[in-house]
């Protein structure tokens, strides 16, 4: 299994000593096309960055000037971040927005709630979650924690 501890050409962060910012990627195979700024990992792909873990069948990415632009995970996508777990057929990561968008029968489990929807968007820096056309079960304790703001 190929293990790349830090992918310099695909890491979104300038060099740093903070371990949570390093990206660890393992896969059965990697193909890098420097001229076009593309990278593709395939077979048993696992991405770890801090507390976020993402696994999938195939991961493609684009980078420019050693900075990540986007990543696309395809096939049996699983996301694990603390008390949040999600699954989907596809996931797209946008570096500028710091978002992970799950499509293809996405589901999300968090603190006793389980939602499915057409699309699930997760803002990784703020842990904001938006589910388009949601269906599922909410833990009422979570709903009590959401307080409407006085205007």
Protein backbone atom coordinates (compact mmCIF):
# COMPACT_ATOMS: atom_id res chain seq x y z
CA UNK A 1 0.00 0.00 0.00
CA UNK A 2 1.34 3.40 -0.94
CA UNK A 3 1.52 5.83 1.97
CA UNK A 4 2.21 9.49 1.35
CA UNK A 5 2.59 11.34 4.63
CA UNK A 6 2.51 14.81 3.17
CA UNK A 7 1.48 15.52 -0.39
CA UNK A 8 3.25 18.81 -0.97
CA UNK A 9 1.62 19.44 -4.30
CA UNK A 10 -1.88 18.85 -2.95
CA UNK A 11 -1.82 20.18 0.58
CA UNK A 12 -3.90 23.34 1.02
CA UNK A 13 -1.75 24.74 3.80
CA UNK A 14 1.59 26.49 3.66
CA UNK A 15 4.36 24.57 5.41
CA UNK A 16 3.62 24.36 9.12
CA UNK A 17 4.49 22.30 12.13
CA UNK A 18 0.88 21.97 13.26
CA UNK A 19 0.08 18.25 12.87
CA UNK A 20 -3.66 18.82 12.31
CA UNK A 21 -2.89 20.66 9.07
CA UNK A 22 -0.89 17.83 7.53
CA UNK A 23 -2.68 15.58 5.11
CA UNK A 24 -2.04 11.85 5.22
CA UNK A 25 -3.22 9.84 2.22
CA UNK A 26 -2.93 6.14 1.66
CA UNK A 27 -4.08 4.24 -1.43
CA UNK A 28 -3.22 1.24 -3.56
CA UNK A 29 -2.10 3.49 -6.43
CA UNK A 30 -1.36 7.14 -7.18
CA UNK A 31 -0.97 8.91 -10.51
CA UNK A 32 0.38 12.46 -10.61
CA UNK A 33 0.29 14.61 -13.74
CA UNK A 34 2.37 17.67 -12.84
CA UNK A 35 1.95 19.43 -16.17
CA UNK A 36 -1.84 19.69 -15.74
CA UNK A 37 -1.86 19.86 -11.93
CA UNK A 38 -3.83 16.67 -11.41
CA UNK A 39 -3.51 13.79 -8.99
CA UNK A 40 -5.54 10.58 -8.72
CA UNK A 41 -5.49 8.05 -5.89
CA UNK A 42 -7.28 4.74 -6.37
CA UNK A 43 -8.05 1.64 -4.36
CA UNK A 44 -8.65 1.73 -0.61
CA UNK A 45 -8.15 5.49 -0.38
CA UNK A 46 -7.91 6.96 3.11
CA UNK A 47 -7.41 10.68 3.78
CA UNK A 48 -6.69 11.94 7.30
CA UNK A 49 -6.39 15.60 8.25
CA UNK A 50 -6.63 16.30 11.96
CA UNK A 51 -9.82 14.71 13.28
CA UNK A 52 -11.30 14.31 9.78
CA UNK A 53 -11.11 10.92 8.08
CA UNK A 54 -12.42 10.28 4.58
CA UNK A 55 -12.32 6.97 2.77
CA UNK A 56 -13.39 6.19 -0.79
CA UNK A 57 -12.62 4.09 -3.84
CA UNK A 58 -11.08 6.89 -5.92
CA UNK A 59 -9.88 10.40 -5.14
CA UNK A 60 -9.02 12.98 -7.79
CA UNK A 61 -7.63 16.42 -7.20
CA UNK A 62 -6.47 19.59 -8.89
CA UNK A 63 -3.72 21.86 -7.66
CA UNK A 64 -1.90 24.94 -8.89
CA UNK A 65 1.41 26.34 -7.65
CA UNK A 66 1.53 23.68 -4.90
CA UNK A 67 -1.89 24.73 -3.58
CA UNK A 68 -4.93 22.52 -3.52
CA UNK A 69 -7.91 23.74 -5.52
CA UNK A 70 -10.35 20.85 -5.18
CA UNK A 71 -10.73 17.17 -4.36
CA UNK A 72 -13.39 14.76 -5.57
CA UNK A 73 -14.04 11.45 -3.81
CA UNK A 74 -15.91 8.78 -5.73
CA UNK A 75 -17.31 5.44 -4.66
CA UNK A 76 -18.30 4.27 -1.18
CA UNK A 77 -17.45 7.62 0.44
CA UNK A 78 -17.30 7.58 4.24
CA UNK A 79 -16.57 10.63 6.38
CA UNK A 80 -15.80 10.50 10.09
CA UNK A 81 -15.21 13.66 12.13
CA UNK A 82 -15.67 13.22 15.86
CA UNK A 83 -19.34 12.62 16.60
CA UNK A 84 -20.34 13.13 12.94
CA UNK A 85 -20.38 10.31 10.41
CA UNK A 86 -21.53 10.59 6.80
CA UNK A 87 -21.76 8.37 3.74
CA UNK A 88 -22.39 9.05 0.04
CA UNK A 89 -21.48 7.91 -3.43
CA UNK A 90 -19.55 11.16 -4.10
CA UNK A 91 -18.02 14.03 -2.20
CA UNK A 92 -16.46 17.26 -3.44
CA UNK A 93 -14.08 19.36 -1.34
CA UNK A 94 -13.61 23.05 -2.14
CA UNK A 95 -10.50 24.55 -0.54
CA UNK A 96 -11.62 28.19 -0.82
CA UNK A 97 -14.99 27.55 0.83
CA UNK A 98 -13.66 24.84 3.20
CA UNK A 99 -16.74 22.79 2.27
CA UNK A 100 -17.39 19.14 1.71
CA UNK A 101 -20.48 18.49 -0.44
CA UNK A 102 -21.89 14.95 -0.39
CA UNK A 103 -24.14 13.67 -3.18
CA UNK A 104 -25.45 10.31 -4.34
CA UNK A 105 -27.67 9.08 -1.52
CA UNK A 106 -25.87 11.03 1.21
CA UNK A 107 -26.62 10.33 4.86
CA UNK A 108 -25.44 11.99 8.04
CA UNK A 109 -25.43 10.70 11.62
CA UNK A 110 -24.65 13.03 14.50
CA UNK A 111 -25.50 12.89 18.22
CA UNK A 112 -28.45 10.54 17.85
CA UNK A 113 -29.87 12.21 14.73
CA UNK A 114 -29.80 10.62 11.28
CA UNK A 115 -30.59 12.51 8.10
CA UNK A 116 -30.65 11.63 4.44
CA UNK A 117 -31.13 14.13 1.67
CA UNK A 118 -30.47 15.09 -1.90
CA UNK A 119 -27.25 16.90 -0.94
CA UNK A 120 -25.40 17.45 2.33
CA UNK A 121 -23.01 20.41 2.63
CA UNK A 122 -20.55 20.57 5.52
CA UNK A 123 -18.48 23.67 6.31
CA UNK A 124 -15.45 22.09 7.98
CA UNK A 125 -14.12 25.20 9.72
CA UNK A 126 -17.43 26.08 11.42
CA UNK A 127 -19.14 22.66 11.46
CA UNK A 128 -22.19 24.20 9.78
CA UNK A 129 -24.30 21.56 8.02
CA UNK A 130 -27.01 22.09 5.40
CA UNK A 131 -29.15 19.20 4.14
CA UNK A 132 -31.20 19.73 0.98
CA UNK A 133 -34.57 17.90 1.01
CA UNK A 134 -33.92 16.29 4.41
CA UNK A 135 -35.65 13.21 5.77
CA UNK A 136 -34.76 11.48 8.98
CA UNK A 137 -34.83 11.40 12.73
CA UNK A 138 -33.79 14.31 14.95
CA UNK A 139 -32.74 13.91 18.55
CA UNK A 140 -35.01 16.40 20.36
CA UNK A 141 -32.15 17.29 22.75
CA UNK A 142 -30.31 18.74 19.76
CA UNK A 143 -33.30 20.83 18.71
CA UNK A 144 -33.54 22.33 22.22
CA UNK A 145 -29.95 23.51 21.86
CA UNK A 146 -30.89 25.61 18.83
CA UNK A 147 -32.11 28.94 20.16
CA UNK A 148 -33.70 31.48 17.78
CA UNK A 149 -31.85 34.77 17.86
CA UNK A 150 -33.77 37.85 18.99
CA UNK A 151 -33.91 40.49 16.31
